[in-house]
Each structure stands twice: as C-alpha cells, then as structure tokens.
Amino acid sequence: MCSIMFLPAAILILLFVDFVLSVCIIFILNLIFVRPLSKNVYKRIKGLASDMGVCLAWQTLFSRVKIELITDNETYELLGKESAILIANHRHALDHTIVMLVNQFFGSSSNTLTLSKNSIKYYPFYGWVSWLSNRVIFLERDWKKDAMKLKTAIGVVKRSYRPWWFIVFAEGTRLTPQKLLEAQEYAISQGLHVPRNVLIPRTKGFVSIVKYSREHFHVVYDLTLVVPPGCPPLTLKNVLKGEKTTINIYIKRFLMKHLPESDEDVAMWCRERFCDKDAFLDQYMVKGISECQVSRTIHNKKHIHVR
C-alpha cells in the first residue's frame, strides 16, 4: 500500500534527477565542443536548453502550483519587454524557481541574472546546473572579487539587444524563525525598523547593480511573494508530492530615474522597500488577498493568474 501511494512521487524524483543530469551533460558538451568554434551558437544552445528545462519543469513538477500576479495594467503590459532589476523577499524554498517561471512566461528564462551564495554551486544538481548556466553570480563575501563579477555580468547584459531581468533576493537567505529572531535583535541594537515578516536586506549587491547599470536597467520591480494562509508551503517535497498550492506575487514598478543618486540613499531606498513589504504582509496575514490587492483582474492564463 505504501509503495503504491508514493509511486508518483518516486517517479517524479527519478524523472527530475534524469532531467537535471541530462541538462548538465548538454551544458558540458556545449561548453567543450561548441564554445571554441562559435560563442554565439554556444549561447543560443545554452539559452534554448535553459528555456526547455524551465518549460519541462513547469509542465511536470510545478503543474499544480498556481502563480497569481497582482499588479497594475501598465506594469503587466511591460513585463518581459524592458530590462529590469527585481528585488524580492525570500519566504519559501522555491521562490527563485517561481520567479524564473514568471520570466519564462513573459519572455525567456535564459535572459536572467541572479545573485547567490558561493556555497550553492556545490549543491548536487541545482547548484551544478546554476554554475554551468553562467546566469548565477556566486558571491564569495570578498567585495573586490564580487564587484568584478558584477561588472562582467552587467557588461554581457549591456551588449545584448534583448530585455534582461536581474533578480536580487536582497535578504541573502530564506526567512526562518531563527533568522528572523536574529534580524530583530540586530535591528533593536542598531535602532532600525524591527521586522516581523522579512529579514533586513543586505544592500551592497543591489547598490552596485544600480550603480553599474543605470543606463541599461530602466526600472526596478519590487516583488513581494507570499503563500496564502491555508495553502501548503511551497517546498520541493510538497511539489514532488503533487500538493496543490498557490503563491501570490505583488509587483510594483519604479523608474530607475526616480531612484536616489548616492550609494547611501540607494541603500536606504532598498531598506524602505522591505519596510513596506513588512507592513503589507502584516495586513495580508490578517485581511487576505481581497483586502490587499492593488488592482483589478486583468486576465487569466493556464498557470499564471493576473489580478
């Protein structure tokens, strides 16, 4: 009985492992045999493999995850049509994957950059694919090295004719009760806003991205991600089990020209956005989506619903 109950999950896990290994092999063969002959063909193959992988993951592993976007009509019409920096809170294990699915929906998941801890690239499967894709900037907590990595990555974006998304989870790690307690204690000691639903953002990476790319990234999308009360948590275990769940993503759009000029003020602007997220999530947990949505329903799609 137990083996039959868990058969679908076991099959999904085997398919997932097989898929990730296949992607790794494609990336490695592409790197060894194609890149020396033509960098353009190499990039196209890598982008195609990335897009196919995200599509396959969406149709299988994430087929029972409903993503609800809540934004205004103008922002929705521009998603995927302009290069943007995205700052998002990190409450769930699969937040990064969800944002990648949204990017795939509006354009191409291969046109993304994101920041991550250096240790992630050693994680089996996910870390290996992230490293091979060259779309993840692994930070080593050595700012001289990290700054050069950012400049190099942004240089690639500047030479591209396609819109790009630069995804920044500024908190640097996922929210947990222990990490929230540590953030609250730090905020009290420094006289900062004491968070209840988010962590204190680490602003150095965001400030540097803004500094190096103001002329290319014309907007900042402020994303607030939250799973509605009563829905199963957004974890890999629940996804593999086929649990039906929902994640709401509230999106605000800010023009880059309206951001402050100095690094210190840009850092303050980023911290203010997380204070806003914190206050919004307070209301959300009490009133739910019906009281907190910021615009009307625009239209519905198979997987992504836009309010």
C-alpha atoms as a PDB file:
ATOM      1  CA  MET A   1       0.000   0.000   0.000  1.00  0.00           C
ATOM      2  CA  CYS A   2       2.712   2.460   0.994  1.00  0.00           C
ATOM      3  CA  SER A   3       4.804   1.754  -2.111  1.00  0.00           C
ATOM      4  CA  ILE A   4       1.774   2.399  -4.341  1.00  0.00           C
ATOM      5  CA  MET A   5       0.955   5.652  -2.550  1.00  0.00           C
ATOM      6  CA  PHE A   6       4.458   7.005  -3.014  1.00  0.00           C
ATOM      7  CA  LEU A   7       4.985   5.710  -6.556  1.00  0.00           C
ATOM      8  CA  PRO A   8       4.066   9.020  -8.289  1.00  0.00           C
ATOM      9  CA  ALA A   9       6.492  10.953  -6.092  1.00  0.00           C
ATOM     10  CA  ALA A  10       9.235   8.386  -6.696  1.00  0.00           C
ATOM     11  CA  ILE A  11       8.705   8.570 -10.453  1.00  0.00           C
ATOM     12  CA  LEU A  12       8.814  12.360 -10.348  1.00  0.00           C
ATOM     13  CA  ILE A  13      12.058  12.289  -8.386  1.00  0.00           C
ATOM     14  CA  LEU A  14      13.648   9.881 -10.880  1.00  0.00           C
ATOM     15  CA  LEU A  15      12.473  11.999 -13.791  1.00  0.00           C
ATOM     16  CA  PHE A  16      13.788  15.117 -12.094  1.00  0.00           C
ATOM     17  CA  VAL A  17      17.223  13.585 -11.462  1.00  0.00           C
ATOM     18  CA  ASP A  18      17.369  12.236 -15.014  1.00  0.00           C
ATOM     19  CA  PHE A  19      16.376  15.623 -16.413  1.00  0.00           C
ATOM     20  CA  VAL A  20      18.959  17.554 -14.382  1.00  0.00           C
ATOM     21  CA  LEU A  21      21.732  15.134 -15.327  1.00  0.00           C
ATOM     22  CA  SER A  22      20.734  15.454 -18.991  1.00  0.00           C
ATOM     23  CA  VAL A  23      20.867  19.253 -18.752  1.00  0.00           C
ATOM     24  CA  CYS A  24      24.298  19.060 -17.131  1.00  0.00           C
ATOM     25  CA  ILE A  25      25.550  16.835 -19.953  1.00  0.00           C
ATOM     26  CA  ILE A  26      24.155  19.224 -22.591  1.00  0.00           C
ATOM     27  CA  PHE A  27      25.817  22.200 -20.911  1.00  0.00           C
ATOM     28  CA  ILE A  28      29.167  20.386 -20.621  1.00  0.00           C
ATOM     29  CA  LEU A  29      29.172  19.152 -24.235  1.00  0.00           C
ATOM     30  CA  ASN A  30      28.149  22.600 -25.417  1.00  0.00           C
ATOM     31  CA  LEU A  31      30.946  24.181 -23.384  1.00  0.00           C
ATOM     32  CA  ILE A  32      33.638  21.768 -24.600  1.00  0.00           C
ATOM     33  CA  PHE A  33      32.762  21.323 -28.270  1.00  0.00           C
ATOM     34  CA  VAL A  34      30.661  24.304 -29.397  1.00  0.00           C
ATOM     35  CA  ARG A  35      32.035  27.294 -27.490  1.00  0.00           C
ATOM     36  CA  PRO A  36      35.566  27.080 -29.007  1.00  0.00           C
ATOM     37  CA  LEU A  37      34.014  27.174 -32.507  1.00  0.00           C
ATOM     38  CA  SER A  38      31.302  29.806 -32.048  1.00  0.00           C
ATOM     39  CA  LYS A  39      30.361  31.723 -28.917  1.00  0.00           C
ATOM     40  CA  ASN A  40      27.108  32.887 -30.499  1.00  0.00           C
ATOM     41  CA  VAL A  41      25.966  29.324 -31.261  1.00  0.00           C
ATOM     42  CA  TYR A  42      27.117  28.288 -27.782  1.00  0.00           C
ATOM     43  CA  LYS A  43      24.966  30.987 -26.181  1.00  0.00           C
ATOM     44  CA  ARG A  44      21.947  30.068 -28.311  1.00  0.00           C
ATOM     45  CA  ILE A  45      22.183  26.395 -27.401  1.00  0.00           C
ATOM     46  CA  LYS A  46      22.619  27.241 -23.737  1.00  0.00           C
ATOM     47  CA  GLY A  47      19.623  29.576 -23.816  1.00  0.00           C
ATOM     48  CA  LEU A  48      17.489  27.007 -25.640  1.00  0.00           C
ATOM     49  CA  ALA A  49      18.416  24.277 -23.154  1.00  0.00           C
ATOM     50  CA  SER A  50      17.611  26.584 -20.252  1.00  0.00           C
ATOM     51  CA  ASP A  51      14.204  27.522 -21.682  1.00  0.00           C
ATOM     52  CA  MET A  52      13.334  23.903 -22.458  1.00  0.00           C
ATOM     53  CA  GLY A  53      14.311  22.877 -18.947  1.00  0.00           C
ATOM     54  CA  VAL A  54      12.140  25.511 -17.308  1.00  0.00           C
ATOM     55  CA  CYS A  55       9.192  24.624 -19.570  1.00  0.00           C
ATOM     56  CA  LEU A  56       9.516  20.935 -18.744  1.00  0.00           C
ATOM     57  CA  ALA A  57       9.757  21.643 -15.012  1.00  0.00           C
ATOM     58  CA  TRP A  58       6.674  23.833 -15.238  1.00  0.00           C
ATOM     59  CA  GLN A  59       4.583  21.256 -17.064  1.00  0.00           C
ATOM     60  CA  THR A  60       5.567  18.429 -14.705  1.00  0.00           C
ATOM     61  CA  LEU A  61       6.859  19.375 -11.262  1.00  0.00           C
ATOM     62  CA  PHE A  62       5.002  22.694 -10.989  1.00  0.00           C
ATOM     63  CA  SER A  63       1.811  21.771 -12.812  1.00  0.00           C
ATOM     64  CA  ARG A  64      -0.240  22.075  -9.585  1.00  0.00           C
ATOM     65  CA  VAL A  65       1.286  25.363  -8.444  1.00  0.00           C
ATOM     66  CA  LYS A  66      -0.849  28.391  -9.279  1.00  0.00           C
ATOM     67  CA  ILE A  67       1.018  31.688  -9.534  1.00  0.00           C
ATOM     68  CA  GLU A  68      -1.072  34.809  -9.013  1.00  0.00           C
ATOM     69  CA  LEU A  69       0.384  38.131 -10.130  1.00  0.00           C
ATOM     70  CA  ILE A  70      -1.158  41.213  -8.577  1.00  0.00           C
ATOM     71  CA  THR A  71      -0.112  44.416 -10.323  1.00  0.00           C
ATOM     72  CA  ASP A  72      -1.420  47.346 -12.340  1.00  0.00           C
ATOM     73  CA  ASN A  73      -2.261  47.205 -16.033  1.00  0.00           C
ATOM     74  CA  GLU A  74       0.732  49.278 -17.189  1.00  0.00           C
ATOM     75  CA  THR A  75       3.242  47.121 -15.322  1.00  0.00           C
ATOM     76  CA  TYR A  76       1.689  43.921 -16.626  1.00  0.00           C
ATOM     77  CA  GLU A  77       1.881  45.125 -20.246  1.00  0.00           C
ATOM     78  CA  LEU A  78       5.579  45.956 -19.827  1.00  0.00           C
ATOM     79  CA  LEU A  79       6.672  42.721 -18.120  1.00  0.00           C
ATOM     80  CA  GLY A  80       9.198  40.974 -20.346  1.00  0.00           C
ATOM     81  CA  LYS A  81       9.538  43.999 -22.642  1.00  0.00           C
ATOM     82  CA  GLU A  82      12.026  46.032 -20.619  1.00  0.00           C
ATOM     83  CA  SER A  83      15.235  45.259 -18.764  1.00  0.00           C
ATOM     84  CA  ALA A  84      14.633  45.394 -15.037  1.00  0.00           C
ATOM     85  CA  ILE A  85      16.202  44.767 -11.663  1.00  0.00           C
ATOM     86  CA  LEU A  86      13.939  42.672  -9.440  1.00  0.00           C
ATOM     87  CA  ILE A  87      14.135  42.857  -5.649  1.00  0.00           C
ATOM     88  CA  ALA A  88      12.158  40.184  -3.851  1.00  0.00           C
ATOM     89  CA  ASN A  89      11.639  38.827  -0.372  1.00  0.00           C
ATOM     90  CA  HIS A  90      12.570  35.202   0.297  1.00  0.00           C
ATOM     91  CA  ARG A  91       9.989  33.297   2.365  1.00  0.00           C
ATOM     92  CA  HIS A  92       9.817  29.941   0.560  1.00  0.00           C
ATOM     93  CA  ALA A  93      12.315  27.317  -0.587  1.00  0.00           C
ATOM     94  CA  LEU A  94      11.317  27.630  -4.257  1.00  0.00           C
ATOM     95  CA  ASP A  95      10.976  31.414  -4.570  1.00  0.00           C
ATOM     96  CA  HIS A  96      13.800  31.687  -7.096  1.00  0.00           C
ATOM     97  CA  THR A  97      12.294  28.963  -9.276  1.00  0.00           C
ATOM     98  CA  ILE A  98       8.898  30.689  -9.195  1.00  0.00           C
ATOM     99  CA  VAL A  99      10.407  33.977 -10.378  1.00  0.00           C
ATOM    100  CA  MET A 100      12.173  32.071 -13.175  1.00  0.00           C
ATOM    101  CA  LEU A 101       8.820  30.569 -14.218  1.00  0.00           C
ATOM    102  CA  VAL A 102       7.317  34.059 -14.347  1.00  0.00           C
ATOM    103  CA  ASN A 103      10.214  35.220 -16.515  1.00  0.00           C
ATOM    104  CA  GLN A 104       9.706  32.227 -18.806  1.00  0.00           C
ATOM    105  CA  PHE A 105       6.020  33.136 -19.092  1.00  0.00           C
ATOM    106  CA  PHE A 106       6.818  36.670 -20.263  1.00  0.00           C
ATOM    107  CA  GLY A 107       9.989  36.058 -22.247  1.00  0.00           C
ATOM    108  CA  SER A 108      12.941  33.744 -21.746  1.00  0.00           C
ATOM    109  CA  SER A 109      14.454  32.296 -18.596  1.00  0.00           C
ATOM    110  CA  SER A 110      17.873  32.410 -20.272  1.00  0.00           C
ATOM    111  CA  ASN A 111      17.753  36.226 -20.115  1.00  0.00           C
ATOM    112  CA  THR A 112      18.242  36.391 -16.370  1.00  0.00           C
ATOM    113  CA  LEU A 113      20.986  37.040 -13.890  1.00  0.00           C
ATOM    114  CA  THR A 114      20.763  36.399 -10.183  1.00  0.00           C
ATOM    115  CA  LEU A 115      22.938  36.564  -7.087  1.00  0.00           C
ATOM    116  CA  SER A 116      23.629  33.571  -4.875  1.00  0.00           C
ATOM    117  CA  LYS A 117      25.907  32.400  -2.083  1.00  0.00           C
ATOM    118  CA  ASN A 118      29.071  30.756  -3.383  1.00  0.00           C
ATOM    119  CA  SER A 119      28.327  27.532  -1.496  1.00  0.00           C
ATOM    120  CA  ILE A 120      25.175  26.941  -3.590  1.00  0.00           C
ATOM    121  CA  LYS A 121      27.192  25.909  -6.651  1.00  0.00           C
ATOM    122  CA  TYR A 122      28.370  22.807  -4.793  1.00  0.00           C
ATOM    123  CA  TYR A 123      24.799  21.601  -4.162  1.00  0.00           C
ATOM    124  CA  PRO A 124      24.005  18.458  -6.194  1.00  0.00           C
ATOM    125  CA  PHE A 125      22.011  19.032  -9.386  1.00  0.00           C
ATOM    126  CA  TYR A 126      20.606  22.523  -8.760  1.00  0.00           C
ATOM    127  CA  GLY A 127      23.963  24.063  -7.917  1.00  0.00           C
ATOM    128  CA  TRP A 128      25.722  22.308 -10.776  1.00  0.00           C
ATOM    129  CA  VAL A 129      23.178  23.474 -13.343  1.00  0.00           C
ATOM    130  CA  SER A 130      23.305  27.014 -11.926  1.00  0.00           C
ATOM    131  CA  TRP A 131      27.090  27.060 -12.248  1.00  0.00           C
ATOM    132  CA  LEU A 132      27.068  25.671 -15.783  1.00  0.00           C
ATOM    133  CA  SER A 133      24.394  28.112 -16.933  1.00  0.00           C
ATOM    134  CA  ASN A 134      26.605  31.156 -16.211  1.00  0.00           C
ATOM    135  CA  ARG A 135      23.427  33.014 -15.202  1.00  0.00           C
ATOM    136  CA  VAL A 136      24.094  32.896 -11.453  1.00  0.00           C
ATOM    137  CA  ILE A 137      26.685  35.200  -9.884  1.00  0.00           C
ATOM    138  CA  PHE A 138      28.121  33.374  -6.892  1.00  0.00           C
ATOM    139  CA  LEU A 139      29.208  35.838  -4.220  1.00  0.00           C
ATOM    140  CA  GLU A 140      32.258  34.990  -2.107  1.00  0.00           C
ATOM    141  CA  ARG A 141      31.842  37.728   0.550  1.00  0.00           C
ATOM    142  CA  ASP A 142      35.036  39.249  -0.873  1.00  0.00           C
ATOM    143  CA  TRP A 143      33.848  42.546  -2.284  1.00  0.00           C
ATOM    144  CA  LYS A 144      36.784  43.113  -4.646  1.00  0.00           C
ATOM    145  CA  LYS A 145      36.107  39.800  -6.372  1.00  0.00           C
ATOM    146  CA  ASP A 146      32.320  40.146  -6.205  1.00  0.00           C
ATOM    147  CA  ALA A 147      32.382  43.662  -7.683  1.00  0.00           C
ATOM    148  CA  MET A 148      34.383  42.423 -10.680  1.00  0.00           C
ATOM    149  CA  LYS A 149      31.908  39.572 -11.203  1.00  0.00           C
ATOM    150  CA  LEU A 150      29.009  42.036 -11.191  1.00  0.00           C
ATOM    151  CA  LYS A 151      30.725  44.369 -13.673  1.00  0.00           C
ATOM    152  CA  THR A 152      31.490  41.476 -16.023  1.00  0.00           C
ATOM    153  CA  ALA A 153      27.918  40.139 -15.880  1.00  0.00           C
ATOM    154  CA  ILE A 154      26.374  43.555 -16.435  1.00  0.00           C
ATOM    155  CA  GLY A 155      28.730  44.051 -19.375  1.00  0.00           C
ATOM    156  CA  VAL A 156      27.151  41.000 -21.032  1.00  0.00           C
ATOM    157  CA  VAL A 157      23.696  42.478 -20.475  1.00  0.00           C
ATOM    158  CA  LYS A 158      24.713  45.824 -21.962  1.00  0.00           C
ATOM    159  CA  ARG A 159      25.884  44.137 -25.157  1.00  0.00           C
ATOM    160  CA  SER A 160      22.600  42.280 -25.569  1.00  0.00           C
ATOM    161  CA  TYR A 161      19.654  43.547 -27.581  1.00  0.00           C
ATOM    162  CA  ARG A 162      17.135  41.516 -25.545  1.00  0.00           C
ATOM    163  CA  PRO A 163      15.430  42.555 -22.288  1.00  0.00           C
ATOM    164  CA  TRP A 164      17.057  41.068 -19.186  1.00  0.00           C
ATOM    165  CA  TRP A 165      15.956  40.550 -15.593  1.00  0.00           C
ATOM    166  CA  PHE A 166      18.465  40.816 -12.755  1.00  0.00           C
ATOM    167  CA  ILE A 167      16.918  39.012  -9.771  1.00  0.00           C
ATOM    168  CA  VAL A 168      18.092  40.062  -6.311  1.00  0.00           C
ATOM    169  CA  PHE A 169      16.892  38.369  -3.123  1.00  0.00           C
ATOM    170  CA  ALA A 170      18.389  41.113  -1.007  1.00  0.00           C
ATOM    171  CA  GLU A 171      17.881  39.387   2.351  1.00  0.00           C
ATOM    172  CA  GLY A 172      20.633  36.978   1.312  1.00  0.00           C
ATOM    173  CA  THR A 173      18.899  33.939   2.774  1.00  0.00           C
ATOM    174  CA  ARG A 174      15.461  32.433   3.307  1.00  0.00           C
ATOM    175  CA  LEU A 175      13.277  33.566   6.193  1.00  0.00           C
ATOM    176  CA  THR A 176      13.213  31.157   9.141  1.00  0.00           C
ATOM    177  CA  PRO A 177      12.098  31.739  12.758  1.00  0.00           C
ATOM    178  CA  GLN A 178      15.709  31.680  13.960  1.00  0.00           C
ATOM    179  CA  LYS A 179      16.953  34.078  11.287  1.00  0.00           C
ATOM    180  CA  LEU A 180      14.014  36.412  11.916  1.00  0.00           C
ATOM    181  CA  LEU A 181      14.854  36.468  15.639  1.00  0.00           C
ATOM    182  CA  GLU A 182      18.480  37.311  14.842  1.00  0.00           C
ATOM    183  CA  ALA A 183      17.361  40.077  12.466  1.00  0.00           C
ATOM    184  CA  GLN A 184      15.066  41.526  15.127  1.00  0.00           C
ATOM    185  CA  GLU A 185      17.837  41.518  17.721  1.00  0.00           C
ATOM    186  CA  TYR A 186      20.197  43.222  15.269  1.00  0.00           C
ATOM    187  CA  ALA A 187      17.565  45.829  14.339  1.00  0.00           C
ATOM    188  CA  ILE A 188      16.988  46.681  18.008  1.00  0.00           C
ATOM    189  CA  SER A 189      20.734  47.050  18.639  1.00  0.00           C
ATOM    190  CA  GLN A 190      21.128  49.353  15.622  1.00  0.00           C
ATOM    191  CA  GLY A 191      17.966  51.390  16.082  1.00  0.00           C
ATOM    192  CA  LEU A 192      16.457  50.099  12.822  1.00  0.00           C
ATOM    193  CA  HIS A 193      12.917  49.079  11.919  1.00  0.00           C
ATOM    194  CA  VAL A 194      12.234  45.772  13.685  1.00  0.00           C
ATOM    195  CA  PRO A 195      10.899  43.355  11.026  1.00  0.00           C
ATOM    196  CA  ARG A 196       8.110  40.855  11.596  1.00  0.00           C
ATOM    197  CA  ASN A 197       7.749  39.191   8.175  1.00  0.00           C
ATOM    198  CA  VAL A 198      11.039  39.860   6.357  1.00  0.00           C
ATOM    199  CA  LEU A 199      14.737  39.985   7.112  1.00  0.00           C
ATOM    200  CA  ILE A 200      16.934  43.080   6.940  1.00  0.00           C
ATOM    201  CA  PRO A 201      18.191  43.398   3.331  1.00  0.00           C
ATOM    202  CA  ARG A 202      21.884  43.304   2.514  1.00  0.00           C
ATOM    203  CA  THR A 203      22.063  46.271   0.202  1.00  0.00           C
ATOM    204  CA  LYS A 204      25.636  46.209  -1.137  1.00  0.00           C
ATOM    205  CA  GLY A 205      24.839  43.986  -4.131  1.00  0.00           C
ATOM    206  CA  PHE A 206      21.717  45.930  -5.092  1.00  0.00           C
ATOM    207  CA  VAL A 207      23.522  49.257  -4.747  1.00  0.00           C
ATOM    208  CA  SER A 208      26.349  48.059  -7.003  1.00  0.00           C
ATOM    209  CA  ILE A 209      23.969  46.759  -9.673  1.00  0.00           C
ATOM    210  CA  VAL A 210      22.168  50.113  -9.729  1.00  0.00           C
ATOM    211  CA  LYS A 211      25.489  51.963  -9.817  1.00  0.00           C
ATOM    212  CA  TYR A 212      26.910  49.987 -12.741  1.00  0.00           C
ATOM    213  CA  SER A 213      23.751  49.716 -14.857  1.00  0.00           C
ATOM    214  CA  ARG A 214      21.531  52.778 -14.506  1.00  0.00           C
ATOM    215  CA  GLU A 215      21.680  53.419 -18.238  1.00  0.00           C
ATOM    216  CA  HIS A 216      20.606  49.861 -19.113  1.00  0.00           C
ATOM    217  CA  PHE A 217      18.107  48.773 -16.459  1.00  0.00           C
ATOM    218  CA  HIS A 218      15.473  51.471 -16.670  1.00  0.00           C
ATOM    219  CA  VAL A 219      13.134  50.098 -13.993  1.00  0.00           C
ATOM    220  CA  VAL A 220      13.106  48.250 -10.680  1.00  0.00           C
ATOM    221  CA  TYR A 221      10.358  45.698 -10.000  1.00  0.00           C
ATOM    222  CA  ASP A 222       9.597  45.303  -6.315  1.00  0.00           C
ATOM    223  CA  LEU A 223       8.207  41.766  -5.760  1.00  0.00           C
ATOM    224  CA  THR A 224       6.501  40.577  -2.599  1.00  0.00           C
ATOM    225  CA  LEU A 225       5.984  36.799  -2.563  1.00  0.00           C
ATOM    226  CA  VAL A 226       3.638  35.058  -0.155  1.00  0.00           C
ATOM    227  CA  VAL A 227       1.732  31.776   0.015  1.00  0.00           C
ATOM    228  CA  PRO A 228      -1.862  32.441   1.143  1.00  0.00           C
ATOM    229  CA  PRO A 229      -2.857  31.177   4.609  1.00  0.00           C
ATOM    230  CA  GLY A 230      -4.240  27.657   4.427  1.00  0.00           C
ATOM    231  CA  CYS A 231      -2.216  26.641   1.354  1.00  0.00           C
ATOM    232  CA  PRO A 232       0.568  24.027   1.666  1.00  0.00           C
ATOM    233  CA  PRO A 233       4.075  25.503   1.960  1.00  0.00           C
ATOM    234  CA  LEU A 234       5.974  25.939  -1.291  1.00  0.00           C
ATOM    235  CA  THR A 235       8.658  23.284  -0.763  1.00  0.00           C
ATOM    236  CA  LEU A 236      10.289  20.783  -3.099  1.00  0.00           C
ATOM    237  CA  LYS A 237       8.812  17.940  -1.039  1.00  0.00           C
ATOM    238  CA  ASN A 238       5.270  19.254  -1.490  1.00  0.00           C
ATOM    239  CA  VAL A 239       5.833  19.898  -5.188  1.00  0.00           C
ATOM    240  CA  LEU A 240       7.099  16.341  -5.717  1.00  0.00           C
ATOM    241  CA  LYS A 241       4.080  15.019  -3.792  1.00  0.00           C
ATOM    242  CA  GLY A 242       1.808  16.914  -6.182  1.00  0.00           C
ATOM    243  CA  GLU A 243       0.329  19.166  -3.495  1.00  0.00           C
ATOM    244  CA  LYS A 244      -1.910  21.841  -4.992  1.00  0.00           C
ATOM    245  CA  THR A 245      -0.853  25.275  -3.765  1.00  0.00           C
ATOM    246  CA  THR A 246      -0.841  28.963  -4.679  1.00  0.00           C
ATOM    247  CA  ILE A 247       1.709  31.737  -4.447  1.00  0.00           C
ATOM    248  CA  ASN A 248       0.795  35.407  -4.730  1.00  0.00           C
ATOM    249  CA  ILE A 249       3.306  37.858  -6.195  1.00  0.00           C
ATOM    250  CA  TYR A 250       2.643  41.566  -5.739  1.00  0.00           C
ATOM    251  CA  ILE A 251       4.601  43.694  -8.201  1.00  0.00           C
ATOM    252  CA  LYS A 252       5.345  47.413  -8.016  1.00  0.00           C
ATOM    253  CA  ARG A 253       7.264  49.222 -10.747  1.00  0.00           C
ATOM    254  CA  PHE A 254       9.747  52.034 -10.044  1.00  0.00           C
ATOM    255  CA  LEU A 255      11.531  54.047 -12.726  1.00  0.00           C
ATOM    256  CA  MET A 256      15.294  54.000 -12.305  1.00  0.00           C
ATOM    257  CA  LYS A 257      15.483  57.761 -12.873  1.00  0.00           C
ATOM    258  CA  HIS A 258      13.447  58.265  -9.706  1.00  0.00           C
ATOM    259  CA  LEU A 259      15.911  56.359  -7.527  1.00  0.00           C
ATOM    260  CA  PRO A 260      18.377  58.409  -5.444  1.00  0.00           C
ATOM    261  CA  GLU A 261      21.827  59.142  -6.831  1.00  0.00           C
ATOM    262  CA  SER A 262      24.170  58.379  -3.911  1.00  0.00           C
ATOM    263  CA  ASP A 263      25.007  54.840  -2.825  1.00  0.00           C
ATOM    264  CA  GLU A 264      23.881  55.552   0.722  1.00  0.00           C
ATOM    265  CA  ASP A 265      20.492  56.814  -0.417  1.00  0.00           C
ATOM    266  CA  VAL A 266      20.019  53.855  -2.778  1.00  0.00           C
ATOM    267  CA  ALA A 267      20.713  51.526   0.166  1.00  0.00           C
ATOM    268  CA  MET A 268      18.168  53.423   2.245  1.00  0.00           C
ATOM    269  CA  TRP A 269      15.638  53.182  -0.611  1.00  0.00           C
ATOM    270  CA  CYS A 270      16.096  49.398  -0.696  1.00  0.00           C
ATOM    271  CA  ARG A 271      15.598  49.115   3.068  1.00  0.00           C
ATOM    272  CA  GLU A 272      12.438  51.220   2.801  1.00  0.00           C
ATOM    273  CA  ARG A 273      11.013  48.789   0.254  1.00  0.00           C
ATOM    274  CA  PHE A 274      11.447  45.957   2.746  1.00  0.00           C
ATOM    275  CA  CYS A 275       9.799  48.023   5.466  1.00  0.00           C
ATOM    276  CA  ASP A 276       6.865  48.437   3.060  1.00  0.00           C
ATOM    277  CA  LYS A 277       6.828  44.677   2.421  1.00  0.00           C
ATOM    278  CA  ASP A 278       6.792  44.033   6.144  1.00  0.00           C
ATOM    279  CA  ALA A 279       3.799  46.324   6.702  1.00  0.00           C
ATOM    280  CA  PHE A 280       1.997  44.881   3.674  1.00  0.00           C
ATOM    281  CA  LEU A 281       2.471  41.297   4.896  1.00  0.00           C
ATOM    282  CA  ASP A 282       1.085  42.284   8.297  1.00  0.00           C
ATOM    283  CA  GLN A 283      -2.122  43.345   6.575  1.00  0.00           C
ATOM    284  CA  TYR A 284      -2.097  40.366   4.235  1.00  0.00           C
ATOM    285  CA  MET A 285      -1.952  37.828   7.040  1.00  0.00           C
ATOM    286  CA  VAL A 286      -4.980  39.436   8.702  1.00  0.00           C
ATOM    287  CA  LYS A 287      -7.134  40.538   5.761  1.00  0.00           C
ATOM    288  CA  GLY A 288      -6.028  38.247   2.942  1.00  0.00           C
ATOM    289  CA  ILE A 289      -5.803  38.989  -0.754  1.00  0.00           C
ATOM    290  CA  SER A 290      -9.260  40.553  -1.104  1.00  0.00           C
ATOM    291  CA  GLU A 291      -8.312  43.499   1.090  1.00  0.00           C
ATOM    292  CA  CYS A 292      -4.721  43.880  -0.067  1.00  0.00           C
ATOM    293  CA  GLN A 293      -4.833  43.577  -3.850  1.00  0.00           C
ATOM    294  CA  VAL A 294      -3.650  46.665  -5.681  1.00  0.00           C
ATOM    295  CA  SER A 295      -5.546  46.395  -8.946  1.00  0.00           C
ATOM    296  CA  ARG A 296      -8.379  44.696 -10.800  1.00  0.00           C
ATOM    297  CA  THR A 297      -8.149  41.311 -12.533  1.00  0.00           C
ATOM    298  CA  ILE A 298      -6.619  41.746 -15.979  1.00  0.00           C
ATOM    299  CA  HIS A 299      -6.940  38.230 -17.386  1.00  0.00           C
ATOM    300  CA  ASN A 300      -6.272  34.624 -16.524  1.00  0.00           C
ATOM    301  CA  LYS A 301      -3.924  32.093 -18.083  1.00  0.00           C
ATOM    302  CA  LYS A 302      -3.406  28.387 -17.504  1.00  0.00           C
ATOM    303  CA  HIS A 303      -0.737  28.679 -14.832  1.00  0.00           C
ATOM    304  CA  ILE A 304      -0.358  32.383 -14.103  1.00  0.00           C
ATOM    305  CA  HIS A 305      -3.323  34.415 -12.979  1.00  0.00           C
ATOM    306  CA  VAL A 306      -3.079  38.191 -13.060  1.00  0.00           C
ATOM    307  CA  ARG A 307      -5.159  40.382 -10.786  1.00  0.00           C
END
